[in-house]
């Protein structure tokens, strides 16, 4: 009768530690990549919401026939929407830095005919330093989002 040796069953401690190390390394790398994607998504979402908000306010000014004003607060990462002098919306950007605007006094006006007072750019930045520019052209108020600053900067 042959005697079986039970030492060949299972894994050694060194093998288990090696596998746990590899899994930990892969998990760490994937979390870094996942954080990058989350921050990029937040930036793209904030830029898209701001762009659609600009178009919405332009339409409201035209259809209602009244002045609208957007007041940007770069130090507070927020912007406010006024219908003539009445505050109608206060938007706070979460996890996004409203870095800069080139509107006069950080105010953008829409006349009752829907024409903006001026064109300009709003610069948004996420925690990882990625920047997007929300660019609005004068007169037509065409809004576009770009990773590059406008040519006239």
C-alpha atoms as a PDB file:
ATOM      1  CA  UNK A   1       0.000   0.000   0.000  1.00  0.00           C
ATOM      2  CA  UNK A   2       1.288   3.407  -0.954  1.00  0.00           C
ATOM      3  CA  UNK A   3       1.413   6.178   1.596  1.00  0.00           C
ATOM      4  CA  UNK A   4       0.086   9.534   0.314  1.00  0.00           C
ATOM      5  CA  UNK A   5       1.817  12.722   1.294  1.00  0.00           C
ATOM      6  CA  UNK A   6      -0.640  15.568   2.154  1.00  0.00           C
ATOM      7  CA  UNK A   7       1.985  18.271   1.722  1.00  0.00           C
ATOM      8  CA  UNK A   8       1.090  18.866  -1.956  1.00  0.00           C
ATOM      9  CA  UNK A   9      -2.384  20.234  -1.191  1.00  0.00           C
ATOM     10  CA  UNK A  10      -2.923  24.015  -0.961  1.00  0.00           C
ATOM     11  CA  UNK A  11      -0.630  26.989  -1.421  1.00  0.00           C
ATOM     12  CA  UNK A  12       2.324  28.211   0.533  1.00  0.00           C
ATOM     13  CA  UNK A  13       2.292  31.485   2.436  1.00  0.00           C
ATOM     14  CA  UNK A  14       4.728  33.049  -0.029  1.00  0.00           C
ATOM     15  CA  UNK A  15       2.472  32.209  -2.978  1.00  0.00           C
ATOM     16  CA  UNK A  16      -0.547  33.740  -1.235  1.00  0.00           C
ATOM     17  CA  UNK A  17       1.394  36.891  -0.340  1.00  0.00           C
ATOM     18  CA  UNK A  18       2.550  37.229  -3.939  1.00  0.00           C
ATOM     19  CA  UNK A  19      -1.033  36.967  -5.278  1.00  0.00           C
ATOM     20  CA  UNK A  20      -2.343  39.442  -2.688  1.00  0.00           C
ATOM     21  CA  UNK A  21       0.448  41.879  -3.660  1.00  0.00           C
ATOM     22  CA  UNK A  22      -0.438  41.671  -7.344  1.00  0.00           C
ATOM     23  CA  UNK A  23      -4.142  42.146  -6.638  1.00  0.00           C
ATOM     24  CA  UNK A  24      -3.363  45.164  -4.410  1.00  0.00           C
ATOM     25  CA  UNK A  25      -1.178  46.720  -7.106  1.00  0.00           C
ATOM     26  CA  UNK A  26      -3.841  46.260  -9.780  1.00  0.00           C
ATOM     27  CA  UNK A  27      -6.525  47.660  -7.485  1.00  0.00           C
ATOM     28  CA  UNK A  28      -4.408  50.732  -6.700  1.00  0.00           C
ATOM     29  CA  UNK A  29      -3.779  51.414 -10.373  1.00  0.00           C
ATOM     30  CA  UNK A  30      -7.433  50.982 -11.279  1.00  0.00           C
ATOM     31  CA  UNK A  31      -8.587  53.349  -8.500  1.00  0.00           C
ATOM     32  CA  UNK A  32      -6.244  56.059  -9.785  1.00  0.00           C
ATOM     33  CA  UNK A  33      -7.609  55.632 -13.287  1.00  0.00           C
ATOM     34  CA  UNK A  34     -11.149  55.550 -11.974  1.00  0.00           C
ATOM     35  CA  UNK A  35     -10.622  58.816 -10.070  1.00  0.00           C
ATOM     36  CA  UNK A  36      -9.278  60.424 -13.253  1.00  0.00           C
ATOM     37  CA  UNK A  37     -12.382  59.329 -15.174  1.00  0.00           C
ATOM     38  CA  UNK A  38     -14.720  60.542 -12.423  1.00  0.00           C
ATOM     39  CA  UNK A  39     -13.052  63.984 -12.337  1.00  0.00           C
ATOM     40  CA  UNK A  40     -13.126  64.209 -16.139  1.00  0.00           C
ATOM     41  CA  UNK A  41     -16.820  63.302 -16.156  1.00  0.00           C
ATOM     42  CA  UNK A  42     -17.602  65.962 -13.524  1.00  0.00           C
ATOM     43  CA  UNK A  43     -15.785  68.599 -15.602  1.00  0.00           C
ATOM     44  CA  UNK A  44     -17.535  67.612 -18.836  1.00  0.00           C
ATOM     45  CA  UNK A  45     -20.913  67.572 -17.087  1.00  0.00           C
ATOM     46  CA  UNK A  46     -20.397  71.005 -15.514  1.00  0.00           C
ATOM     47  CA  UNK A  47     -19.303  72.481 -18.866  1.00  0.00           C
ATOM     48  CA  UNK A  48     -22.277  70.950 -20.678  1.00  0.00           C
ATOM     49  CA  UNK A  49     -24.718  72.210 -18.035  1.00  0.00           C
ATOM     50  CA  UNK A  50     -23.247  75.709 -18.183  1.00  0.00           C
ATOM     51  CA  UNK A  51     -23.411  75.720 -21.985  1.00  0.00           C
ATOM     52  CA  UNK A  52     -27.022  74.558 -22.041  1.00  0.00           C
ATOM     53  CA  UNK A  53     -27.852  77.045 -19.272  1.00  0.00           C
ATOM     54  CA  UNK A  54     -26.481  79.900 -21.389  1.00  0.00           C
ATOM     55  CA  UNK A  55     -28.635  78.861 -24.335  1.00  0.00           C
ATOM     56  CA  UNK A  56     -31.669  78.440 -22.075  1.00  0.00           C
ATOM     57  CA  UNK A  57     -31.284  81.922 -20.598  1.00  0.00           C
ATOM     58  CA  UNK A  58     -30.861  83.406 -24.059  1.00  0.00           C
ATOM     59  CA  UNK A  59     -34.124  81.740 -25.130  1.00  0.00           C
ATOM     60  CA  UNK A  60     -35.940  82.906 -22.009  1.00  0.00           C
ATOM     61  CA  UNK A  61     -34.800  86.498 -22.558  1.00  0.00           C
ATOM     62  CA  UNK A  62     -36.082  86.357 -26.139  1.00  0.00           C
ATOM     63  CA  UNK A  63     -39.450  84.722 -25.412  1.00  0.00           C
ATOM     64  CA  UNK A  64     -40.212  86.730 -22.275  1.00  0.00           C
ATOM     65  CA  UNK A  65     -38.831  89.984 -23.676  1.00  0.00           C
ATOM     66  CA  UNK A  66     -36.914  90.924 -20.508  1.00  0.00           C
ATOM     67  CA  UNK A  67     -33.291  91.367 -19.474  1.00  0.00           C
ATOM     68  CA  UNK A  68     -31.438  88.432 -17.953  1.00  0.00           C
ATOM     69  CA  UNK A  69     -28.114  88.566 -16.179  1.00  0.00           C
ATOM     70  CA  UNK A  70     -25.608  85.875 -15.259  1.00  0.00           C
ATOM     71  CA  UNK A  71     -23.280  86.847 -12.463  1.00  0.00           C
ATOM     72  CA  UNK A  72     -20.191  84.647 -12.143  1.00  0.00           C
ATOM     73  CA  UNK A  73     -18.385  84.283  -8.792  1.00  0.00           C
ATOM     74  CA  UNK A  74     -15.006  82.637  -9.549  1.00  0.00           C
ATOM     75  CA  UNK A  75     -13.865  82.754  -5.912  1.00  0.00           C
ATOM     76  CA  UNK A  76     -17.013  80.947  -4.734  1.00  0.00           C
ATOM     77  CA  UNK A  77     -17.311  78.510  -7.682  1.00  0.00           C
ATOM     78  CA  UNK A  78     -20.873  79.552  -8.402  1.00  0.00           C
ATOM     79  CA  UNK A  79     -22.954  81.622 -10.746  1.00  0.00           C
ATOM     80  CA  UNK A  80     -26.306  83.296 -10.316  1.00  0.00           C
ATOM     81  CA  UNK A  81     -29.106  83.942 -12.782  1.00  0.00           C
ATOM     82  CA  UNK A  82     -31.193  87.100 -12.482  1.00  0.00           C
ATOM     83  CA  UNK A  83     -34.408  87.933 -14.309  1.00  0.00           C
ATOM     84  CA  UNK A  84     -34.037  91.709 -14.456  1.00  0.00           C
ATOM     85  CA  UNK A  85     -33.185  92.267 -10.748  1.00  0.00           C
ATOM     86  CA  UNK A  86     -34.842  89.157  -9.290  1.00  0.00           C
ATOM     87  CA  UNK A  87     -32.572  86.230  -8.363  1.00  0.00           C
ATOM     88  CA  UNK A  88     -34.077  83.115  -9.910  1.00  0.00           C
ATOM     89  CA  UNK A  89     -31.255  80.586  -9.656  1.00  0.00           C
ATOM     90  CA  UNK A  90     -28.027  80.125  -7.714  1.00  0.00           C
ATOM     91  CA  UNK A  91     -25.852  77.351  -9.143  1.00  0.00           C
ATOM     92  CA  UNK A  92     -22.918  76.002  -7.130  1.00  0.00           C
ATOM     93  CA  UNK A  93     -20.320  73.952  -8.991  1.00  0.00           C
ATOM     94  CA  UNK A  94     -19.361  70.967  -6.856  1.00  0.00           C
ATOM     95  CA  UNK A  95     -15.792  69.673  -7.208  1.00  0.00           C
ATOM     96  CA  UNK A  96     -15.234  72.052 -10.148  1.00  0.00           C
ATOM     97  CA  UNK A  97     -13.306  75.315  -9.988  1.00  0.00           C
ATOM     98  CA  UNK A  98     -14.903  78.204 -11.866  1.00  0.00           C
ATOM     99  CA  UNK A  99     -11.418  79.418 -12.613  1.00  0.00           C
ATOM    100  CA  UNK A 100     -11.898  82.552 -14.683  1.00  0.00           C
ATOM    101  CA  UNK A 101     -14.210  84.536 -16.954  1.00  0.00           C
ATOM    102  CA  UNK A 102     -13.418  87.333 -19.335  1.00  0.00           C
ATOM    103  CA  UNK A 103     -16.838  88.967 -19.112  1.00  0.00           C
ATOM    104  CA  UNK A 104     -16.798  92.572 -17.895  1.00  0.00           C
ATOM    105  CA  UNK A 105     -17.118  92.507 -14.079  1.00  0.00           C
ATOM    106  CA  UNK A 106     -17.914  88.757 -14.395  1.00  0.00           C
ATOM    107  CA  UNK A 107     -21.441  89.662 -15.578  1.00  0.00           C
ATOM    108  CA  UNK A 108     -23.157  88.535 -18.754  1.00  0.00           C
ATOM    109  CA  UNK A 109     -26.336  90.281 -19.895  1.00  0.00           C
ATOM    110  CA  UNK A 110     -28.943  89.062 -22.353  1.00  0.00           C
ATOM    111  CA  UNK A 111     -31.100  91.758 -23.906  1.00  0.00           C
ATOM    112  CA  UNK A 112     -34.859  91.269 -24.389  1.00  0.00           C
ATOM    113  CA  UNK A 113     -34.241  90.295 -28.020  1.00  0.00           C
ATOM    114  CA  UNK A 114     -31.985  87.406 -26.867  1.00  0.00           C
ATOM    115  CA  UNK A 115     -28.713  89.004 -27.936  1.00  0.00           C
ATOM    116  CA  UNK A 116     -25.901  88.788 -25.383  1.00  0.00           C
ATOM    117  CA  UNK A 117     -24.212  91.974 -24.239  1.00  0.00           C
ATOM    118  CA  UNK A 118     -20.853  90.504 -25.204  1.00  0.00           C
ATOM    119  CA  UNK A 119     -19.141  87.272 -26.076  1.00  0.00           C
ATOM    120  CA  UNK A 120     -16.699  85.647 -23.752  1.00  0.00           C
ATOM    121  CA  UNK A 121     -15.249  82.580 -22.127  1.00  0.00           C
ATOM    122  CA  UNK A 122     -15.732  80.778 -18.832  1.00  0.00           C
ATOM    123  CA  UNK A 123     -12.809  78.618 -17.733  1.00  0.00           C
ATOM    124  CA  UNK A 124     -13.598  75.520 -15.667  1.00  0.00           C
ATOM    125  CA  UNK A 125     -10.971  73.368 -13.961  1.00  0.00           C
ATOM    126  CA  UNK A 126     -11.252  70.071 -12.085  1.00  0.00           C
ATOM    127  CA  UNK A 127      -9.211  68.844  -9.114  1.00  0.00           C
ATOM    128  CA  UNK A 128      -6.671  67.126 -11.362  1.00  0.00           C
ATOM    129  CA  UNK A 129      -5.910  70.351 -13.277  1.00  0.00           C
ATOM    130  CA  UNK A 130      -7.805  69.498 -16.479  1.00  0.00           C
ATOM    131  CA  UNK A 131      -9.323  72.647 -18.048  1.00  0.00           C
ATOM    132  CA  UNK A 132     -12.340  73.180 -20.313  1.00  0.00           C
ATOM    133  CA  UNK A 133     -13.432  76.462 -21.864  1.00  0.00           C
ATOM    134  CA  UNK A 134     -17.101  77.336 -22.383  1.00  0.00           C
ATOM    135  CA  UNK A 135     -16.950  79.869 -25.207  1.00  0.00           C
ATOM    136  CA  UNK A 136     -19.868  82.073 -26.257  1.00  0.00           C
ATOM    137  CA  UNK A 137     -19.687  84.135 -29.418  1.00  0.00           C
ATOM    138  CA  UNK A 138     -21.045  87.693 -29.456  1.00  0.00           C
ATOM    139  CA  UNK A 139     -24.311  88.531 -31.249  1.00  0.00           C
ATOM    140  CA  UNK A 140     -25.282  84.936 -32.138  1.00  0.00           C
ATOM    141  CA  UNK A 141     -24.562  83.528 -28.648  1.00  0.00           C
ATOM    142  CA  UNK A 142     -23.295  80.295 -30.139  1.00  0.00           C
ATOM    143  CA  UNK A 143     -21.899  78.204 -27.286  1.00  0.00           C
ATOM    144  CA  UNK A 144     -19.143  75.657 -27.658  1.00  0.00           C
ATOM    145  CA  UNK A 145     -16.966  73.717 -25.256  1.00  0.00           C
ATOM    146  CA  UNK A 146     -13.290  73.329 -26.010  1.00  0.00           C
ATOM    147  CA  UNK A 147     -10.171  71.994 -24.274  1.00  0.00           C
ATOM    148  CA  UNK A 148      -8.227  74.826 -25.965  1.00  0.00           C
ATOM    149  CA  UNK A 149      -8.645  78.525 -25.223  1.00  0.00           C
ATOM    150  CA  UNK A 150     -10.211  80.693 -27.927  1.00  0.00           C
ATOM    151  CA  UNK A 151      -7.910  82.113 -30.578  1.00  0.00           C
ATOM    152  CA  UNK A 152      -8.301  85.721 -29.423  1.00  0.00           C
ATOM    153  CA  UNK A 153      -6.789  85.042 -25.973  1.00  0.00           C
END
